[in-house]
Amino acid sequence: MQERAILLLWSETGKHEDFAQQREVFFNMYGNRNIQIVMTINSVGKKLYEPEDTIGLGTIRRHAVWKDYEVLFVPSINAFGKTPVEITAEIMFLESNGVRVYSISEGIISSKDLPLLFRKQFRIVK
C-alpha cells in the first residue's frame, strides 16, 4: 500500500537550491519506501518555527485531521516550536491522527523518543 506524505522544507533565504537539497536528502533517506508526496510546503524565514512566508502548521494539522497523509517529513523538530512543550504537543497531535514524523536532523520522531532528543540538545556549562 502506498503511503501519502507531506514535505515541509525550510530555507532562511528562500533559495531554490536549499529546498532541492532537502528534498534530495528525504528521497535518499526514505526513497526505497512506497511514498506518494501529496503536498510540499516551502517555508522561508529566519527561524523554522517563525516563517515569514509559509502555509504553516495549521495546514499540516488540518490535513492530519482529514487523514490526507500518513507521513510528514520535516528538516528538524524545531519546525514545531521553540520549546519542548510546544514540540511535544505537536508531535502528539500528529501521532493521535495517525501521522508519523521523519526528520533530516533527528530521523524518526515519536513522542516517546522526544525526551532523549531534548537531552541531547542540552550542553553542560561549567
PDB file of N, CA and C in Angstrom:
ATOM      1  N   MET A   1       0.843  -1.190   0.000  1.00  0.00           N
ATOM      2  CA  MET A   1       0.000   0.000   0.000  1.00  0.00           C
ATOM      3  C   MET A   1       0.886   1.252   0.000  1.00  0.00           C
ATOM      4  N   GLN A   2       0.541   2.202  -0.827  1.00  0.00           N
ATOM      5  CA  GLN A   2       1.319   3.426  -0.941  1.00  0.00           C
ATOM      6  C   GLN A   2       0.915   4.403   0.166  1.00  0.00           C
ATOM      7  N   GLU A   3       1.931   4.957   0.851  1.00  0.00           N
ATOM      8  CA  GLU A   3       1.686   5.945   1.888  1.00  0.00           C
ATOM      9  C   GLU A   3       1.742   7.339   1.285  1.00  0.00           C
ATOM     10  N   ARG A   4       0.950   8.229   1.842  1.00  0.00           N
ATOM     11  CA  ARG A   4       0.931   9.617   1.388  1.00  0.00           C
ATOM     12  C   ARG A   4       1.743  10.464   2.363  1.00  0.00           C
ATOM     13  N   ALA A   5       2.464  11.453   1.830  1.00  0.00           N
ATOM     14  CA  ALA A   5       3.346  12.254   2.672  1.00  0.00           C
ATOM     15  C   ALA A   5       3.275  13.730   2.308  1.00  0.00           C
ATOM     16  N   ILE A   6       3.607  14.546   3.303  1.00  0.00           N
ATOM     17  CA  ILE A   6       3.795  15.976   3.110  1.00  0.00           C
ATOM     18  C   ILE A   6       5.258  16.279   3.392  1.00  0.00           C
ATOM     19  N   LEU A   7       5.861  17.078   2.528  1.00  0.00           N
ATOM     20  CA  LEU A   7       7.225  17.566   2.737  1.00  0.00           C
ATOM     21  C   LEU A   7       7.144  18.989   3.257  1.00  0.00           C
ATOM     22  N   LEU A   8       7.733  19.241   4.426  1.00  0.00           N
ATOM     23  CA  LEU A   8       7.874  20.602   4.921  1.00  0.00           C
ATOM     24  C   LEU A   8       9.341  20.959   4.763  1.00  0.00           C
ATOM     25  N   LEU A   9       9.624  21.866   3.841  1.00  0.00           N
ATOM     26  CA  LEU A   9      11.004  22.267   3.554  1.00  0.00           C
ATOM     27  C   LEU A   9      11.216  23.688   4.075  1.00  0.00           C
ATOM     28  N   TRP A  10      12.452  24.011   4.451  1.00  0.00           N
ATOM     29  CA  TRP A  10      12.735  25.320   5.020  1.00  0.00           C
ATOM     30  C   TRP A  10      14.017  25.895   4.451  1.00  0.00           C
ATOM     31  N   SER A  11      13.990  27.199   4.232  1.00  0.00           N
ATOM     32  CA  SER A  11      15.178  27.925   3.798  1.00  0.00           C
ATOM     33  C   SER A  11      15.157  29.305   4.436  1.00  0.00           C
ATOM     34  N   GLU A  12      16.294  29.711   4.967  1.00  0.00           N
ATOM     35  CA  GLU A  12      16.383  31.046   5.547  1.00  0.00           C
ATOM     36  C   GLU A  12      16.300  32.113   4.461  1.00  0.00           C
ATOM     37  N   THR A  13      16.850  31.817   3.287  1.00  0.00           N
ATOM     38  CA  THR A  13      16.916  32.800   2.205  1.00  0.00           C
ATOM     39  C   THR A  13      15.858  32.603   1.128  1.00  0.00           C
ATOM     40  N   GLY A  14      15.248  31.435   1.087  1.00  0.00           N
ATOM     41  CA  GLY A  14      14.252  31.150   0.059  1.00  0.00           C
ATOM     42  C   GLY A  14      14.847  30.662  -1.244  1.00  0.00           C
ATOM     43  N   LYS A  15      16.122  30.287  -1.234  1.00  0.00           N
ATOM     44  CA  LYS A  15      16.776  29.818  -2.451  1.00  0.00           C
ATOM     45  C   LYS A  15      16.256  28.436  -2.844  1.00  0.00           C
ATOM     46  N   HIS A  16      16.022  28.280  -4.132  1.00  0.00           N
ATOM     47  CA  HIS A  16      15.552  27.004  -4.666  1.00  0.00           C
ATOM     48  C   HIS A  16      16.514  25.867  -4.321  1.00  0.00           C
ATOM     49  N   GLU A  17      17.811  26.159  -4.294  1.00  0.00           N
ATOM     50  CA  GLU A  17      18.822  25.133  -4.016  1.00  0.00           C
ATOM     51  C   GLU A  17      18.641  24.537  -2.623  1.00  0.00           C
ATOM     52  N   ASP A  18      18.246  25.361  -1.649  1.00  0.00           N
ATOM     53  CA  ASP A  18      18.025  24.870  -0.288  1.00  0.00           C
ATOM     54  C   ASP A  18      16.888  23.857  -0.260  1.00  0.00           C
ATOM     55  N   PHE A  19      15.784  24.199  -0.939  1.00  0.00           N
ATOM     56  CA  PHE A  19      14.641  23.300  -0.984  1.00  0.00           C
ATOM     57  C   PHE A  19      14.978  22.016  -1.734  1.00  0.00           C
ATOM     58  N   ALA A  20      15.694  22.153  -2.848  1.00  0.00           N
ATOM     59  CA  ALA A  20      16.066  20.988  -3.651  1.00  0.00           C
ATOM     60  C   ALA A  20      16.983  20.048  -2.870  1.00  0.00           C
ATOM     61  N   GLN A  21      17.911  20.618  -2.110  1.00  0.00           N
ATOM     62  CA  GLN A  21      18.837  19.802  -1.321  1.00  0.00           C
ATOM     63  C   GLN A  21      18.079  19.014  -0.247  1.00  0.00           C
ATOM     64  N   GLN A  22      17.149  19.651   0.444  1.00  0.00           N
ATOM     65  CA  GLN A  22      16.370  18.949   1.468  1.00  0.00           C
ATOM     66  C   GLN A  22      15.509  17.848   0.852  1.00  0.00           C
ATOM     67  N   ARG A  23      14.893  18.156  -0.279  1.00  0.00           N
ATOM     68  CA  ARG A  23      14.068  17.162  -0.972  1.00  0.00           C
ATOM     69  C   ARG A  23      14.909  15.942  -1.333  1.00  0.00           C
ATOM     70  N   GLU A  24      16.123  16.185  -1.814  1.00  0.00           N
ATOM     71  CA  GLU A  24      17.025  15.096  -2.189  1.00  0.00           C
ATOM     72  C   GLU A  24      17.415  14.256  -0.969  1.00  0.00           C
ATOM     73  N   VAL A  25      17.673  14.913   0.162  1.00  0.00           N
ATOM     74  CA  VAL A  25      18.017  14.180   1.387  1.00  0.00           C
ATOM     75  C   VAL A  25      16.857  13.289   1.812  1.00  0.00           C
ATOM     76  N   PHE A  26      15.636  13.813   1.779  1.00  0.00           N
ATOM     77  CA  PHE A  26      14.473  12.995   2.137  1.00  0.00           C
ATOM     78  C   PHE A  26      14.365  11.776   1.229  1.00  0.00           C
ATOM     79  N   PHE A  27      14.522  11.987  -0.073  1.00  0.00           N
ATOM     80  CA  PHE A  27      14.386  10.868  -1.002  1.00  0.00           C
ATOM     81  C   PHE A  27      15.507   9.858  -0.838  1.00  0.00           C
ATOM     82  N   ASN A  28      16.707  10.320  -0.494  1.00  0.00           N
ATOM     83  CA  ASN A  28      17.808   9.392  -0.250  1.00  0.00           C
ATOM     84  C   ASN A  28      17.594   8.599   1.037  1.00  0.00           C
ATOM     85  N   MET A  29      17.036   9.251   2.052  1.00  0.00           N
ATOM     86  CA  MET A  29      16.806   8.578   3.331  1.00  0.00           C
ATOM     87  C   MET A  29      15.637   7.596   3.260  1.00  0.00           C
ATOM     88  N   TYR A  30      14.579   7.987   2.580  1.00  0.00           N
ATOM     89  CA  TYR A  30      13.337   7.214   2.614  1.00  0.00           C
ATOM     90  C   TYR A  30      12.831   6.827   1.236  1.00  0.00           C
ATOM     91  N   GLY A  31      13.677   6.945   0.212  1.00  0.00           N
ATOM     92  CA  GLY A  31      13.256   6.713  -1.165  1.00  0.00           C
ATOM     93  C   GLY A  31      12.871   5.289  -1.489  1.00  0.00           C
ATOM     94  N   ASN A  32      13.356   4.322  -0.713  1.00  0.00           N
ATOM     95  CA  ASN A  32      13.035   2.933  -1.010  1.00  0.00           C
ATOM     96  C   ASN A  32      11.631   2.548  -0.543  1.00  0.00           C
ATOM     97  N   ARG A  33      10.947   3.459   0.124  1.00  0.00           N
ATOM     98  CA  ARG A  33       9.586   3.198   0.580  1.00  0.00           C
ATOM     99  C   ARG A  33       8.600   3.587  -0.521  1.00  0.00           C
ATOM    100  N   ASN A  34       7.431   3.063  -0.449  1.00  0.00           N
ATOM    101  CA  ASN A  34       6.381   3.351  -1.420  1.00  0.00           C
ATOM    102  C   ASN A  34       5.599   4.574  -0.933  1.00  0.00           C
ATOM    103  N   ILE A  35       6.115   5.778  -1.227  1.00  0.00           N
ATOM    104  CA  ILE A  35       5.540   7.019  -0.716  1.00  0.00           C
ATOM    105  C   ILE A  35       5.153   7.939  -1.865  1.00  0.00           C
ATOM    106  N   GLN A  36       3.960   8.498  -1.748  1.00  0.00           N
ATOM    107  CA  GLN A  36       3.485   9.496  -2.705  1.00  0.00           C
ATOM    108  C   GLN A  36       3.468  10.852  -1.998  1.00  0.00           C
ATOM    109  N   ILE A  37       4.155  11.842  -2.543  1.00  0.00           N
ATOM    110  CA  ILE A  37       4.165  13.188  -1.971  1.00  0.00           C
ATOM    111  C   ILE A  37       2.878  13.890  -2.413  1.00  0.00           C
ATOM    112  N   VAL A  38       2.007  14.203  -1.459  1.00  0.00           N
ATOM    113  CA  VAL A  38       0.734  14.846  -1.791  1.00  0.00           C
ATOM    114  C   VAL A  38       0.805  16.363  -1.671  1.00  0.00           C
ATOM    115  N   MET A  39       1.816  16.869  -0.921  1.00  0.00           N
ATOM    116  CA  MET A  39       1.948  18.308  -0.771  1.00  0.00           C
ATOM    117  C   MET A  39       3.380  18.635  -0.356  1.00  0.00           C
ATOM    118  N   THR A  40       3.887  19.723  -0.890  1.00  0.00           N
ATOM    119  CA  THR A  40       5.183  20.256  -0.463  1.00  0.00           C
ATOM    120  C   THR A  40       4.960  21.679   0.016  1.00  0.00           C
ATOM    121  N   ILE A  41       5.448  21.966   1.221  1.00  0.00           N
ATOM    122  CA  ILE A  41       5.321  23.300   1.795  1.00  0.00           C
ATOM    123  C   ILE A  41       6.723  23.880   1.923  1.00  0.00           C
ATOM    124  N   ASN A  42       6.978  24.960   1.226  1.00  0.00           N
ATOM    125  CA  ASN A  42       8.269  25.643   1.297  1.00  0.00           C
ATOM    126  C   ASN A  42       8.151  26.812   2.263  1.00  0.00           C
ATOM    127  N   SER A  43       8.900  26.755   3.367  1.00  0.00           N
ATOM    128  CA  SER A  43       8.877  27.805   4.382  1.00  0.00           C
ATOM    129  C   SER A  43      10.130  28.660   4.262  1.00  0.00           C
ATOM    130  N   VAL A  44       9.942  29.956   4.389  1.00  0.00           N
ATOM    131  CA  VAL A  44      11.057  30.891   4.307  1.00  0.00           C
ATOM    132  C   VAL A  44      11.029  31.765   5.548  1.00  0.00           C
ATOM    133  N   GLY A  45      12.172  31.905   6.210  1.00  0.00           N
ATOM    134  CA  GLY A  45      12.251  32.765   7.375  1.00  0.00           C
ATOM    135  C   GLY A  45      13.537  32.562   8.137  1.00  0.00           C
ATOM    136  N   LYS A  46      13.759  33.434   9.116  1.00  0.00           N
ATOM    137  CA  LYS A  46      14.971  33.349   9.936  1.00  0.00           C
ATOM    138  C   LYS A  46      14.974  32.093  10.782  1.00  0.00           C
ATOM    139  N   LYS A  47      13.820  31.737  11.325  1.00  0.00           N
ATOM    140  CA  LYS A  47      13.677  30.546  12.151  1.00  0.00           C
ATOM    141  C   LYS A  47      12.630  29.649  11.521  1.00  0.00           C
ATOM    142  N   LEU A  48      12.821  28.363  11.643  1.00  0.00           N
ATOM    143  CA  LEU A  48      11.895  27.410  11.037  1.00  0.00           C
ATOM    144  C   LEU A  48      10.502  27.512  11.643  1.00  0.00           C
ATOM    145  N   TYR A  49      10.396  27.767  12.952  1.00  0.00           N
ATOM    146  CA  TYR A  49       9.086  27.827  13.600  1.00  0.00           C
ATOM    147  C   TYR A  49       8.432  29.201  13.464  1.00  0.00           C
ATOM    148  N   GLU A  50       9.140  30.200  12.895  1.00  0.00           N
ATOM    149  CA  GLU A  50       8.566  31.519  12.668  1.00  0.00           C
ATOM    150  C   GLU A  50       8.753  31.933  11.214  1.00  0.00           C
ATOM    151  N   PRO A  51       8.195  31.179  10.275  1.00  0.00           N
ATOM    152  CA  PRO A  51       8.408  31.508   8.874  1.00  0.00           C
ATOM    153  C   PRO A  51       7.688  32.794   8.472  1.00  0.00           C
ATOM    154  N   GLU A  52       8.318  33.521   7.568  1.00  0.00           N
ATOM    155  CA  GLU A  52       7.727  34.763   7.071  1.00  0.00           C
ATOM    156  C   GLU A  52       6.740  34.494   5.934  1.00  0.00           C
ATOM    157  N   ASP A  53       6.976  33.417   5.196  1.00  0.00           N
ATOM    158  CA  ASP A  53       6.147  33.144   4.022  1.00  0.00           C
ATOM    159  C   ASP A  53       5.862  31.647   3.966  1.00  0.00           C
ATOM    160  N   THR A  54       4.804  31.225   4.645  1.00  0.00           N
ATOM    161  CA  THR A  54       4.512  29.798   4.695  1.00  0.00           C
ATOM    162  C   THR A  54       3.023  29.549   4.857  1.00  0.00           C
ATOM    163  N   ILE A  55       2.606  28.380   4.511  1.00  0.00           N
ATOM    164  CA  ILE A  55       1.226  27.975   4.753  1.00  0.00           C
ATOM    165  C   ILE A  55       1.056  27.711   6.246  1.00  0.00           C
ATOM    166  N   GLY A  56       2.068  27.120   6.876  1.00  0.00           N
ATOM    167  CA  GLY A  56       2.099  26.969   8.323  1.00  0.00           C
ATOM    168  C   GLY A  56       1.628  25.638   8.847  1.00  0.00           C
ATOM    169  N   LEU A  57       1.791  25.507  10.149  1.00  0.00           N
ATOM    170  CA  LEU A  57       1.426  24.265  10.822  1.00  0.00           C
ATOM    171  C   LEU A  57      -0.077  24.031  10.827  1.00  0.00           C
ATOM    172  N   GLY A  58      -0.855  25.105  10.685  1.00  0.00           N
ATOM    173  CA  GLY A  58      -2.309  24.934  10.625  1.00  0.00           C
ATOM    174  C   GLY A  58      -2.720  24.033   9.471  1.00  0.00           C
ATOM    175  N   THR A  59      -2.077  24.196   8.338  1.00  0.00           N
ATOM    176  CA  THR A  59      -2.373  23.355   7.177  1.00  0.00           C
ATOM    177  C   THR A  59      -1.980  21.908   7.446  1.00  0.00           C
ATOM    178  N   ILE A  60      -0.821  21.725   8.053  1.00  0.00           N
ATOM    179  CA  ILE A  60      -0.362  20.372   8.368  1.00  0.00           C
ATOM    180  C   ILE A  60      -1.329  19.700   9.339  1.00  0.00           C
ATOM    181  N   ARG A  61      -1.762  20.438  10.354  1.00  0.00           N
ATOM    182  CA  ARG A  61      -2.705  19.890  11.333  1.00  0.00           C
ATOM    183  C   ARG A  61      -4.053  19.564  10.675  1.00  0.00           C
ATOM    184  N   ARG A  62      -4.551  20.480   9.867  1.00  0.00           N
ATOM    185  CA  ARG A  62      -5.846  20.282   9.210  1.00  0.00           C
ATOM    186  C   ARG A  62      -5.835  19.032   8.341  1.00  0.00           C
ATOM    187  N   HIS A  63      -4.786  18.869   7.546  1.00  0.00           N
ATOM    188  CA  HIS A  63      -4.699  17.699   6.674  1.00  0.00           C
ATOM    189  C   HIS A  63      -4.497  16.410   7.467  1.00  0.00           C
ATOM    190  N   ALA A  64      -3.878  16.511   8.647  1.00  0.00           N
ATOM    191  CA  ALA A  64      -3.748  15.334   9.518  1.00  0.00           C
ATOM    192  C   ALA A  64      -5.122  14.896  10.021  1.00  0.00           C
ATOM    193  N   VAL A  65      -5.929  15.850  10.454  1.00  0.00           N
ATOM    194  CA  VAL A  65      -7.279  15.542  10.930  1.00  0.00           C
ATOM    195  C   VAL A  65      -8.119  14.945   9.803  1.00  0.00           C
ATOM    196  N   TRP A  66      -7.945  15.453   8.602  1.00  0.00           N
ATOM    197  CA  TRP A  66      -8.700  14.956   7.450  1.00  0.00           C
ATOM    198  C   TRP A  66      -8.160  13.630   6.926  1.00  0.00           C
ATOM    199  N   LYS A  67      -7.061  13.138   7.520  1.00  0.00           N
ATOM    200  CA  LYS A  67      -6.440  11.858   7.121  1.00  0.00           C
ATOM    201  C   LYS A  67      -5.956  11.896   5.671  1.00  0.00           C
ATOM    202  N   ASP A  68      -5.422  13.044   5.255  1.00  0.00           N
ATOM    203  CA  ASP A  68      -4.924  13.209   3.888  1.00  0.00           C
ATOM    204  C   ASP A  68      -3.520  12.640   3.693  1.00  0.00           C
ATOM    205  N   TYR A  69      -2.819  12.335   4.789  1.00  0.00           N
ATOM    206  CA  TYR A  69      -1.460  11.805   4.672  1.00  0.00           C
ATOM    207  C   TYR A  69      -1.114  11.008   5.921  1.00  0.00           C
ATOM    208  N   GLU A  70      -0.074  10.170   5.799  1.00  0.00           N
ATOM    209  CA  GLU A  70       0.360   9.332   6.913  1.00  0.00           C
ATOM    210  C   GLU A  70       1.782   9.659   7.375  1.00  0.00           C
ATOM    211  N   VAL A  71       2.551  10.363   6.556  1.00  0.00           N
ATOM    212  CA  VAL A  71       3.955  10.647   6.851  1.00  0.00           C
ATOM    213  C   VAL A  71       4.208  12.145   6.650  1.00  0.00           C
ATOM    214  N   LEU A  72       4.963  12.733   7.604  1.00  0.00           N
ATOM    215  CA  LEU A  72       5.371  14.131   7.489  1.00  0.00           C
ATOM    216  C   LEU A  72       6.887  14.178   7.548  1.00  0.00           C
ATOM    217  N   PHE A  73       7.498  14.779   6.541  1.00  0.00           N
ATOM    218  CA  PHE A  73       8.948  14.982   6.505  1.00  0.00           C
ATOM    219  C   PHE A  73       9.244  16.431   6.883  1.00  0.00           C
ATOM    220  N   VAL A  74      10.108  16.631   7.877  1.00  0.00           N
ATOM    221  CA  VAL A  74      10.499  17.968   8.318  1.00  0.00           C
ATOM    222  C   VAL A  74      12.019  18.046   8.395  1.00  0.00           C
ATOM    223  N   PRO A  75      12.600  19.249   8.274  1.00  0.00           N
ATOM    224  CA  PRO A  75      14.047  19.365   8.396  1.00  0.00           C
ATOM    225  C   PRO A  75      14.535  19.087   9.821  1.00  0.00           C
ATOM    226  N   SER A  76      13.731  19.491  10.822  1.00  0.00           N
ATOM    227  CA  SER A  76      14.131  19.360  12.217  1.00  0.00           C
ATOM    228  C   SER A  76      12.889  19.441  13.099  1.00  0.00           C
ATOM    229  N   ILE A  77      12.995  18.938  14.335  1.00  0.00           N
ATOM    230  CA  ILE A  77      11.859  19.057  15.251  1.00  0.00           C
ATOM    231  C   ILE A  77      11.580  20.518  15.593  1.00  0.00           C
ATOM    232  N   ASN A  78      12.524  21.396  15.329  1.00  0.00           N
ATOM    233  CA  ASN A  78      12.317  22.818  15.583  1.00  0.00           C
ATOM    234  C   ASN A  78      11.226  23.410  14.696  1.00  0.00           C
ATOM    235  N   ALA A  79      10.754  22.658  13.730  1.00  0.00           N
ATOM    236  CA  ALA A  79       9.642  23.111  12.892  1.00  0.00           C
ATOM    237  C   ALA A  79       8.357  23.241  13.702  1.00  0.00           C
ATOM    238  N   PHE A  80       8.309  22.589  14.859  1.00  0.00           N
ATOM    239  CA  PHE A  80       7.076  22.538  15.644  1.00  0.00           C
ATOM    240  C   PHE A  80       7.010  23.531  16.789  1.00  0.00           C
ATOM    241  N   GLY A  81       8.055  24.304  17.003  1.00  0.00           N
ATOM    242  CA  GLY A  81       8.008  25.303  18.056  1.00  0.00           C
ATOM    243  C   GLY A  81       9.357  25.596  18.664  1.00  0.00           C
ATOM    244  N   LYS A  82       9.330  26.473  19.673  1.00  0.00           N
ATOM    245  CA  LYS A  82      10.561  26.903  20.324  1.00  0.00           C
ATOM    246  C   LYS A  82      10.908  26.065  21.548  1.00  0.00           C
ATOM    247  N   THR A  83       9.885  25.551  22.220  1.00  0.00           N
ATOM    248  CA  THR A  83      10.108  24.871  23.487  1.00  0.00           C
ATOM    249  C   THR A  83       9.779  23.384  23.381  1.00  0.00           C
ATOM    250  N   PRO A  84      10.346  22.583  24.275  1.00  0.00           N
ATOM    251  CA  PRO A  84       9.999  21.155  24.287  1.00  0.00           C
ATOM    252  C   PRO A  84       8.504  20.902  24.467  1.00  0.00           C
ATOM    253  N   VAL A  85       7.824  21.759  25.216  1.00  0.00           N
ATOM    254  CA  VAL A  85       6.382  21.591  25.433  1.00  0.00           C
ATOM    255  C   VAL A  85       5.625  21.768  24.118  1.00  0.00           C
ATOM    256  N   GLU A  86       5.943  22.827  23.365  1.00  0.00           N
ATOM    257  CA  GLU A  86       5.285  23.067  22.073  1.00  0.00           C
ATOM    258  C   GLU A  86       5.555  21.923  21.100  1.00  0.00           C
ATOM    259  N   ILE A  87       6.802  21.521  21.032  1.00  0.00           N
ATOM    260  CA  ILE A  87       7.199  20.456  20.105  1.00  0.00           C
ATOM    261  C   ILE A  87       6.493  19.151  20.452  1.00  0.00           C
ATOM    262  N   THR A  88       6.480  18.811  21.739  1.00  0.00           N
ATOM    263  CA  THR A  88       5.835  17.574  22.189  1.00  0.00           C
ATOM    264  C   THR A  88       4.346  17.591  21.874  1.00  0.00           C
ATOM    265  N   ALA A  89       3.690  18.726  22.107  1.00  0.00           N
ATOM    266  CA  ALA A  89       2.253  18.829  21.822  1.00  0.00           C
ATOM    267  C   ALA A  89       1.965  18.600  20.345  1.00  0.00           C
ATOM    268  N   GLU A  90       2.769  19.173  19.466  1.00  0.00           N
ATOM    269  CA  GLU A  90       2.553  18.998  18.026  1.00  0.00           C
ATOM    270  C   GLU A  90       2.783  17.547  17.594  1.00  0.00           C
ATOM    271  N   ILE A  91       3.857  16.933  18.094  1.00  0.00           N
ATOM    272  CA  ILE A  91       4.146  15.544  17.737  1.00  0.00           C
ATOM    273  C   ILE A  91       3.027  14.630  18.228  1.00  0.00           C
ATOM    274  N   MET A  92       2.556  14.851  19.456  1.00  0.00           N
ATOM    275  CA  MET A  92       1.474  14.026  19.996  1.00  0.00           C
ATOM    276  C   MET A  92       0.182  14.218  19.198  1.00  0.00           C
ATOM    277  N   PHE A  93      -0.086  15.454  18.774  1.00  0.00           N
ATOM    278  CA  PHE A  93      -1.270  15.713  17.957  1.00  0.00           C
ATOM    279  C   PHE A  93      -1.191  14.930  16.650  1.00  0.00           C
ATOM    280  N   LEU A  94      -0.034  15.001  15.987  1.00  0.00           N
ATOM    281  CA  LEU A  94       0.130  14.288  14.717  1.00  0.00           C
ATOM    282  C   LEU A  94       0.006  12.781  14.913  1.00  0.00           C
ATOM    283  N   GLU A  95       0.651  12.254  15.945  1.00  0.00           N
ATOM    284  CA  GLU A  95       0.564  10.814  16.217  1.00  0.00           C
ATOM    285  C   GLU A  95      -0.874  10.380  16.490  1.00  0.00           C
ATOM    286  N   SER A  96      -1.619  11.195  17.231  1.00  0.00           N
ATOM    287  CA  SER A  96      -3.010  10.841  17.535  1.00  0.00           C
ATOM    288  C   SER A  96      -3.882  10.835  16.286  1.00  0.00           C
ATOM    289  N   ASN A  97      -3.401  11.477  15.220  1.00  0.00           N
ATOM    290  CA  ASN A  97      -4.122  11.483  13.950  1.00  0.00           C
ATOM    291  C   ASN A  97      -3.484  10.549  12.918  1.00  0.00           C
ATOM    292  N   GLY A  98      -2.623   9.647  13.380  1.00  0.00           N
ATOM    293  CA  GLY A  98      -2.068   8.617  12.511  1.00  0.00           C
ATOM    294  C   GLY A  98      -0.909   9.050  11.632  1.00  0.00           C
ATOM    295  N   VAL A  99      -0.236  10.144  11.999  1.00  0.00           N
ATOM    296  CA  VAL A  99       0.875  10.657  11.181  1.00  0.00           C
ATOM    297  C   VAL A  99       2.202  10.318  11.860  1.00  0.00           C
ATOM    298  N   ARG A 100       3.127   9.771  11.081  1.00  0.00           N
ATOM    299  CA  ARG A 100       4.498   9.532  11.542  1.00  0.00           C
ATOM    300  C   ARG A 100       5.376  10.675  11.039  1.00  0.00           C
ATOM    301  N   VAL A 101       6.315  11.105  11.875  1.00  0.00           N
ATOM    302  CA  VAL A 101       7.158  12.250  11.545  1.00  0.00           C
ATOM    303  C   VAL A 101       8.592  11.776  11.356  1.00  0.00           C
ATOM    304  N   TYR A 102       9.196  12.191  10.240  1.00  0.00           N
ATOM    305  CA  TYR A 102      10.592  11.902   9.935  1.00  0.00           C
ATOM    306  C   TYR A 102      11.323  13.218   9.758  1.00  0.00           C
ATOM    307  N   SER A 103      12.556  13.270  10.254  1.00  0.00           N
ATOM    308  CA  SER A 103      13.339  14.493  10.217  1.00  0.00           C
ATOM    309  C   SER A 103      14.713  14.238   9.615  1.00  0.00           C
ATOM    310  N   ILE A 104      15.228  15.234   8.918  1.00  0.00           N
ATOM    311  CA  ILE A 104      16.600  15.145   8.404  1.00  0.00           C
ATOM    312  C   ILE A 104      17.578  15.082   9.575  1.00  0.00           C
ATOM    313  N   SER A 105      17.370  15.937  10.572  1.00  0.00           N
ATOM    314  CA  SER A 105      18.309  16.044  11.696  1.00  0.00           C
ATOM    315  C   SER A 105      18.193  14.914  12.701  1.00  0.00           C
ATOM    316  N   GLU A 106      16.958  14.519  13.035  1.00  0.00           N
ATOM    317  CA  GLU A 106      16.749  13.573  14.128  1.00  0.00           C
ATOM    318  C   GLU A 106      16.304  12.180  13.697  1.00  0.00           C
ATOM    319  N   GLY A 107      15.964  11.992  12.443  1.00  0.00           N
ATOM    320  CA  GLY A 107      15.476  10.683  11.992  1.00  0.00           C
ATOM    321  C   GLY A 107      13.998  10.523  12.308  1.00  0.00           C
ATOM    322  N   ILE A 108      13.601   9.327  12.743  1.00  0.00           N
ATOM    323  CA  ILE A 108      12.206   9.073  13.093  1.00  0.00           C
ATOM    324  C   ILE A 108      11.921   9.750  14.433  1.00  0.00           C
ATOM    325  N   ILE A 109      10.814  10.484  14.476  1.00  0.00           N
ATOM    326  CA  ILE A 109      10.460  11.213  15.694  1.00  0.00           C
ATOM    327  C   ILE A 109       9.150  10.644  16.231  1.00  0.00           C
ATOM    328  N   SER A 110       9.167  10.298  17.506  1.00  0.00           N
ATOM    329  CA  SER A 110       7.931   9.894  18.170  1.00  0.00           C
ATOM    330  C   SER A 110       7.900  10.529  19.552  1.00  0.00           C
ATOM    331  N   SER A 111       6.718  10.640  20.119  1.00  0.00           N
ATOM    332  CA  SER A 111       6.590  11.306  21.418  1.00  0.00           C
ATOM    333  C   SER A 111       7.364  10.562  22.501  1.00  0.00           C
ATOM    334  N   LYS A 112       7.479   9.256  22.394  1.00  0.00           N
ATOM    335  CA  LYS A 112       8.207   8.515  23.428  1.00  0.00           C
ATOM    336  C   LYS A 112       9.722   8.728  23.327  1.00  0.00           C
ATOM    337  N   ASP A 113      10.229   9.124  22.149  1.00  0.00           N
ATOM    338  CA  ASP A 113      11.665   9.373  21.973  1.00  0.00           C
ATOM    339  C   ASP A 113      12.062  10.829  22.193  1.00  0.00           C
ATOM    340  N   LEU A 114      11.096  11.721  22.317  1.00  0.00           N
ATOM    341  CA  LEU A 114      11.408  13.148  22.456  1.00  0.00           C
ATOM    342  C   LEU A 114      12.261  13.482  23.679  1.00  0.00           C
ATOM    343  N   PRO A 115      12.014  12.897  24.861  1.00  0.00           N
ATOM    344  CA  PRO A 115      12.887  13.247  25.999  1.00  0.00           C
ATOM    345  C   PRO A 115      14.369  12.998  25.707  1.00  0.00           C
ATOM    346  N   LEU A 116      14.672  11.913  25.027  1.00  0.00           N
ATOM    347  CA  LEU A 116      16.068  11.628  24.681  1.00  0.00           C
ATOM    348  C   LEU A 116      16.605  12.669  23.698  1.00  0.00           C
ATOM    349  N   LEU A 117      15.803  13.055  22.720  1.00  0.00           N
ATOM    350  CA  LEU A 117      16.231  14.086  21.767  1.00  0.00           C
ATOM    351  C   LEU A 117      16.479  15.418  22.469  1.00  0.00           C
ATOM    352  N   PHE A 118      15.608  15.774  23.393  1.00  0.00           N
ATOM    353  CA  PHE A 118      15.783  17.037  24.114  1.00  0.00           C
ATOM    354  C   PHE A 118      17.035  16.992  24.982  1.00  0.00           C
ATOM    355  N   ARG A 119      17.307  15.868  25.620  1.00  0.00           N
ATOM    356  CA  ARG A 119      18.507  15.745  26.447  1.00  0.00           C
ATOM    357  C   ARG A 119      19.768  15.912  25.624  1.00  0.00           C
ATOM    358  N   LYS A 120      19.756  15.418  24.400  1.00  0.00           N
ATOM    359  CA  LYS A 120      20.936  15.545  23.529  1.00  0.00           C
ATOM    360  C   LYS A 120      21.217  17.001  23.175  1.00  0.00           C
ATOM    361  N   GLN A 121      20.201  17.856  23.230  1.00  0.00           N
ATOM    362  CA  GLN A 121      20.369  19.261  22.876  1.00  0.00           C
ATOM    363  C   GLN A 121      20.944  20.107  23.998  1.00  0.00           C
ATOM    364  N   PHE A 122      20.942  19.593  25.219  1.00  0.00           N
ATOM    365  CA  PHE A 122      21.467  20.360  26.352  1.00  0.00           C
ATOM    366  C   PHE A 122      22.982  20.285  26.369  1.00  0.00           C
ATOM    367  N   ARG A 123      23.607  21.412  26.740  1.00  0.00           N
ATOM    368  CA  ARG A 123      25.059  21.463  26.935  1.00  0.00           C
ATOM    369  C   ARG A 123      25.333  21.791  28.390  1.00  0.00           C
ATOM    370  N   ILE A 124      26.274  21.092  28.965  1.00  0.00           N
ATOM    371  CA  ILE A 124      26.636  21.369  30.351  1.00  0.00           C
ATOM    372  C   ILE A 124      27.667  22.479  30.362  1.00  0.00           C
ATOM    373  N   VAL A 125      27.391  23.511  31.133  1.00  0.00           N
ATOM    374  CA  VAL A 125      28.288  24.661  31.237  1.00  0.00           C
ATOM    375  C   VAL A 125      28.909  24.635  32.629  1.00  0.00           C
ATOM    376  N   LYS A 126      30.228  24.714  32.671  1.00  0.00           N
ATOM    377  CA  LYS A 126      30.915  24.693  33.973  1.00  0.00           C
ATOM    378  C   LYS A 126      31.330  26.077  34.361  1.00  0.00           C
TER     379      LYS A 126
END
